[in-house]
N, C-alpha and C. Protein backbone atom coordinates (compact mmCIF):
# COMPACT_ATOMS: atom_id res chain seq x y z
N MET A 1 1.38 -6.23 -1.70
CA MET A 1 2.07 -5.05 -2.18
C MET A 1 2.68 -5.30 -3.55
N PRO A 2 2.73 -4.28 -4.36
CA PRO A 2 3.36 -4.44 -5.69
C PRO A 2 4.87 -4.65 -5.55
N GLU A 3 5.45 -5.11 -6.63
CA GLU A 3 6.90 -5.31 -6.66
C GLU A 3 7.61 -3.98 -6.92
N ARG A 4 8.83 -3.90 -6.39
CA ARG A 4 9.66 -2.73 -6.67
C ARG A 4 10.63 -3.08 -7.80
N LYS A 5 10.06 -3.44 -8.94
CA LYS A 5 10.89 -3.66 -10.12
C LYS A 5 10.37 -2.75 -11.22
N LYS A 6 11.30 -2.25 -12.00
CA LYS A 6 10.93 -1.34 -13.08
C LYS A 6 9.98 -2.04 -14.03
N LEU A 7 8.90 -1.35 -14.36
CA LEU A 7 7.89 -1.90 -15.27
C LEU A 7 8.31 -1.68 -16.72
N SER A 8 7.85 -2.57 -17.57
CA SER A 8 8.06 -2.38 -19.00
C SER A 8 7.17 -1.23 -19.48
N GLU A 9 7.43 -0.76 -20.67
CA GLU A 9 6.61 0.31 -21.24
C GLU A 9 5.16 -0.15 -21.36
N LYS A 10 4.95 -1.41 -21.75
CA LYS A 10 3.59 -1.96 -21.89
C LYS A 10 2.89 -2.00 -20.53
N GLU A 11 3.58 -2.44 -19.50
CA GLU A 11 3.00 -2.49 -18.15
C GLU A 11 2.67 -1.10 -17.63
N THR A 12 3.56 -0.16 -17.90
CA THR A 12 3.33 1.22 -17.46
C THR A 12 2.12 1.82 -18.17
N THR A 13 2.04 1.60 -19.47
CA THR A 13 0.91 2.12 -20.25
C THR A 13 -0.41 1.53 -19.76
N ALA A 14 -0.42 0.24 -19.48
CA ALA A 14 -1.64 -0.41 -18.97
C ALA A 14 -2.03 0.17 -17.62
N GLY A 15 -1.08 0.38 -16.75
CA GLY A 15 -1.37 0.96 -15.45
C GLY A 15 -1.84 2.40 -15.57
N LEU A 16 -1.24 3.14 -16.45
CA LEU A 16 -1.60 4.54 -16.66
C LEU A 16 -3.04 4.68 -17.15
N ALA A 17 -3.51 3.70 -17.89
CA ALA A 17 -4.88 3.74 -18.42
C ALA A 17 -5.93 3.74 -17.30
N THR A 18 -5.54 3.30 -16.10
CA THR A 18 -6.48 3.25 -14.98
C THR A 18 -6.38 4.50 -14.10
N LEU A 19 -5.54 5.45 -14.49
CA LEU A 19 -5.28 6.63 -13.66
C LEU A 19 -5.63 7.91 -14.43
N PRO A 20 -6.87 8.38 -14.31
CA PRO A 20 -7.28 9.55 -15.08
C PRO A 20 -6.44 10.79 -14.75
N GLY A 21 -5.99 11.44 -15.81
CA GLY A 21 -5.25 12.69 -15.64
C GLY A 21 -3.76 12.53 -15.40
N TRP A 22 -3.31 11.32 -15.17
CA TRP A 22 -1.88 11.08 -14.97
C TRP A 22 -1.23 10.90 -16.33
N SER A 23 0.03 11.31 -16.41
CA SER A 23 0.79 11.15 -17.65
C SER A 23 2.21 10.73 -17.29
N ILE A 24 2.99 10.50 -18.31
CA ILE A 24 4.41 10.22 -18.09
C ILE A 24 5.19 11.42 -18.63
N ALA A 25 6.03 11.98 -17.77
CA ALA A 25 6.87 13.11 -18.15
C ALA A 25 8.25 12.90 -17.55
N ASN A 26 9.25 12.94 -18.40
CA ASN A 26 10.64 12.74 -17.95
C ASN A 26 10.82 11.44 -17.17
N GLY A 27 10.14 10.39 -17.64
CA GLY A 27 10.28 9.07 -17.03
C GLY A 27 9.58 8.89 -15.70
N LYS A 28 8.66 9.80 -15.36
CA LYS A 28 7.94 9.72 -14.09
C LYS A 28 6.44 9.81 -14.35
N LEU A 29 5.66 9.19 -13.45
CA LEU A 29 4.21 9.43 -13.47
C LEU A 29 4.00 10.84 -12.93
N ARG A 30 3.11 11.60 -13.56
CA ARG A 30 2.95 13.00 -13.17
C ARG A 30 1.48 13.41 -13.25
N LYS A 31 1.09 14.21 -12.25
CA LYS A 31 -0.24 14.81 -12.30
C LYS A 31 -0.22 16.12 -11.53
N GLU A 32 -0.95 17.09 -12.06
CA GLU A 32 -1.13 18.38 -11.39
C GLU A 32 -2.56 18.45 -10.86
N PHE A 33 -2.69 18.79 -9.59
CA PHE A 33 -3.98 18.93 -8.93
C PHE A 33 -4.20 20.41 -8.63
N THR A 34 -5.44 20.88 -8.83
CA THR A 34 -5.78 22.27 -8.53
C THR A 34 -6.91 22.30 -7.52
N PHE A 35 -6.77 23.18 -6.53
CA PHE A 35 -7.73 23.30 -5.44
C PHE A 35 -8.26 24.73 -5.37
N GLY A 36 -9.23 24.93 -4.53
CA GLY A 36 -9.84 26.26 -4.40
C GLY A 36 -8.94 27.27 -3.72
N ASP A 37 -8.04 26.81 -2.89
CA ASP A 37 -7.16 27.72 -2.17
C ASP A 37 -5.96 26.96 -1.60
N PHE A 38 -5.06 27.69 -0.97
CA PHE A 38 -3.84 27.10 -0.42
C PHE A 38 -4.13 26.10 0.69
N VAL A 39 -5.09 26.41 1.56
CA VAL A 39 -5.38 25.52 2.68
C VAL A 39 -5.86 24.16 2.17
N SER A 40 -6.69 24.15 1.16
CA SER A 40 -7.17 22.89 0.59
C SER A 40 -6.02 22.11 -0.05
N ALA A 41 -5.15 22.80 -0.76
CA ALA A 41 -3.99 22.14 -1.38
C ALA A 41 -3.08 21.55 -0.31
N PHE A 42 -2.84 22.31 0.74
CA PHE A 42 -1.96 21.83 1.80
C PHE A 42 -2.58 20.66 2.56
N GLY A 43 -3.89 20.70 2.77
CA GLY A 43 -4.58 19.57 3.40
C GLY A 43 -4.44 18.30 2.58
N PHE A 44 -4.56 18.45 1.26
CA PHE A 44 -4.37 17.32 0.35
C PHE A 44 -2.95 16.77 0.49
N MET A 45 -1.98 17.66 0.53
CA MET A 45 -0.59 17.22 0.68
C MET A 45 -0.38 16.46 1.98
N SER A 46 -1.04 16.89 3.04
CA SER A 46 -0.93 16.18 4.32
C SER A 46 -1.46 14.76 4.20
N SER A 47 -2.57 14.60 3.49
CA SER A 47 -3.13 13.27 3.28
C SER A 47 -2.23 12.41 2.42
N VAL A 48 -1.63 13.01 1.40
CA VAL A 48 -0.70 12.28 0.54
C VAL A 48 0.54 11.85 1.33
N ALA A 49 0.96 12.69 2.25
CA ALA A 49 2.12 12.36 3.09
C ALA A 49 1.87 11.08 3.88
N LEU A 50 0.64 10.89 4.34
CA LEU A 50 0.30 9.66 5.08
C LEU A 50 0.37 8.44 4.16
N ILE A 51 -0.03 8.60 2.91
CA ILE A 51 0.09 7.50 1.94
C ILE A 51 1.57 7.18 1.75
N ALA A 52 2.38 8.21 1.59
CA ALA A 52 3.81 8.02 1.37
C ALA A 52 4.45 7.26 2.53
N GLU A 53 4.12 7.64 3.74
CA GLU A 53 4.68 6.96 4.91
C GLU A 53 4.20 5.52 4.99
N GLY A 54 2.92 5.30 4.69
CA GLY A 54 2.36 3.95 4.74
C GLY A 54 3.02 3.01 3.74
N LEU A 55 3.38 3.54 2.58
CA LEU A 55 4.03 2.72 1.55
C LEU A 55 5.55 2.76 1.65
N ASN A 56 6.07 3.64 2.51
CA ASN A 56 7.51 3.90 2.57
C ASN A 56 8.03 4.19 1.16
N HIS A 57 7.31 5.08 0.49
CA HIS A 57 7.60 5.45 -0.89
C HIS A 57 7.21 6.92 -1.03
N HIS A 58 8.15 7.78 -1.33
CA HIS A 58 7.92 9.21 -1.22
C HIS A 58 8.01 9.91 -2.57
N PRO A 59 7.06 10.81 -2.86
CA PRO A 59 6.99 11.45 -4.17
C PRO A 59 7.96 12.63 -4.29
N ASP A 60 8.21 12.99 -5.53
CA ASP A 60 8.76 14.31 -5.83
C ASP A 60 7.52 15.17 -6.03
N TRP A 61 7.43 16.27 -5.31
CA TRP A 61 6.23 17.09 -5.45
C TRP A 61 6.52 18.54 -5.15
N SER A 62 5.57 19.38 -5.57
CA SER A 62 5.69 20.81 -5.30
C SER A 62 4.30 21.39 -5.10
N ASN A 63 4.30 22.53 -4.46
CA ASN A 63 3.05 23.24 -4.19
C ASN A 63 3.28 24.72 -4.45
N VAL A 64 2.41 25.31 -5.26
CA VAL A 64 2.37 26.75 -5.44
C VAL A 64 0.92 27.16 -5.28
N TYR A 65 0.66 27.89 -4.20
CA TYR A 65 -0.67 28.35 -3.80
C TYR A 65 -1.70 27.23 -3.85
N ASN A 66 -2.51 27.15 -4.90
CA ASN A 66 -3.59 26.15 -4.94
C ASN A 66 -3.28 24.96 -5.84
N ARG A 67 -2.03 24.84 -6.28
CA ARG A 67 -1.65 23.75 -7.17
C ARG A 67 -0.64 22.82 -6.49
N VAL A 68 -0.83 21.53 -6.70
CA VAL A 68 0.11 20.52 -6.22
C VAL A 68 0.48 19.65 -7.41
N VAL A 69 1.77 19.51 -7.64
CA VAL A 69 2.27 18.63 -8.70
C VAL A 69 2.95 17.45 -8.03
N ILE A 70 2.54 16.24 -8.42
CA ILE A 70 3.14 15.02 -7.90
C ILE A 70 3.81 14.29 -9.05
N GLU A 71 5.06 13.89 -8.82
CA GLU A 71 5.81 13.06 -9.78
C GLU A 71 6.30 11.83 -9.04
N LEU A 72 6.11 10.68 -9.67
CA LEU A 72 6.44 9.40 -9.04
C LEU A 72 7.37 8.56 -9.89
N SER A 73 8.40 8.07 -9.28
CA SER A 73 9.27 7.05 -9.87
C SER A 73 10.01 6.40 -8.72
N THR A 74 10.53 5.23 -8.96
CA THR A 74 11.28 4.52 -7.92
C THR A 74 12.75 4.70 -8.26
N HIS A 75 13.38 5.61 -7.55
CA HIS A 75 14.77 5.99 -7.86
C HIS A 75 15.71 4.78 -7.85
N SER A 76 15.52 3.89 -6.87
CA SER A 76 16.42 2.73 -6.76
C SER A 76 16.30 1.78 -7.95
N GLU A 77 15.16 1.84 -8.67
CA GLU A 77 14.95 0.97 -9.83
C GLU A 77 15.14 1.70 -11.15
N GLY A 78 15.33 3.00 -11.07
CA GLY A 78 15.57 3.77 -12.29
C GLY A 78 14.36 3.96 -13.17
N GLY A 79 13.17 3.96 -12.58
CA GLY A 79 11.97 4.17 -13.38
C GLY A 79 10.70 3.90 -12.60
N ILE A 80 9.63 3.71 -13.33
CA ILE A 80 8.30 3.51 -12.76
C ILE A 80 8.13 2.04 -12.38
N THR A 81 7.63 1.82 -11.16
CA THR A 81 7.36 0.47 -10.67
C THR A 81 5.90 0.36 -10.26
N GLY A 82 5.54 -0.83 -9.82
CA GLY A 82 4.19 -1.04 -9.31
C GLY A 82 3.89 -0.17 -8.10
N TYR A 83 4.91 0.17 -7.32
CA TYR A 83 4.71 1.06 -6.18
C TYR A 83 4.23 2.43 -6.63
N ASP A 84 4.74 2.91 -7.74
CA ASP A 84 4.31 4.21 -8.25
C ASP A 84 2.85 4.18 -8.69
N LEU A 85 2.48 3.10 -9.37
CA LEU A 85 1.08 2.96 -9.79
C LEU A 85 0.16 2.84 -8.59
N GLU A 86 0.56 2.08 -7.59
CA GLU A 86 -0.23 1.93 -6.36
C GLU A 86 -0.37 3.27 -5.65
N PHE A 87 0.72 3.99 -5.54
CA PHE A 87 0.71 5.30 -4.91
C PHE A 87 -0.29 6.22 -5.62
N ALA A 88 -0.18 6.29 -6.95
CA ALA A 88 -1.08 7.15 -7.73
C ALA A 88 -2.53 6.73 -7.55
N ALA A 89 -2.81 5.45 -7.52
CA ALA A 89 -4.19 4.96 -7.33
C ALA A 89 -4.73 5.40 -5.98
N ARG A 90 -3.90 5.35 -4.95
CA ARG A 90 -4.34 5.77 -3.62
C ARG A 90 -4.57 7.28 -3.57
N VAL A 91 -3.75 8.03 -4.27
CA VAL A 91 -3.95 9.49 -4.35
C VAL A 91 -5.26 9.80 -5.05
N GLU A 92 -5.57 9.06 -6.09
CA GLU A 92 -6.82 9.28 -6.82
C GLU A 92 -8.03 9.09 -5.91
N LYS A 93 -7.97 8.13 -5.01
CA LYS A 93 -9.09 7.90 -4.08
C LYS A 93 -9.28 9.10 -3.16
N LEU A 94 -8.21 9.80 -2.83
CA LEU A 94 -8.31 11.01 -2.00
C LEU A 94 -8.97 12.15 -2.74
N HIS A 95 -8.68 12.24 -4.00
CA HIS A 95 -9.06 13.42 -4.78
C HIS A 95 -10.43 13.30 -5.42
N LEU A 96 -11.16 12.23 -5.16
CA LEU A 96 -12.49 12.07 -5.78
C LEU A 96 -13.48 13.06 -5.28
């Protein structure tokens, strides 16, 4: 498992390079996903919830109809950690 220590800007940038479509906004990893309808978006959220429970690391997220926005940071560390990058990588595998 990755460490729960805040990453440097260089480490974050390197990790971000492996995550297509993810960006940094307000100090968090962020990505917006769009689906064909609400049921597909909600199904995706259910799968992401299982990732969150497995890592014991929970996202800030929202859903409006067919869109899901995920924002990741480790609140206890005050920024982005390896857990956030790992979480995002696992989400990417779902969305392929």
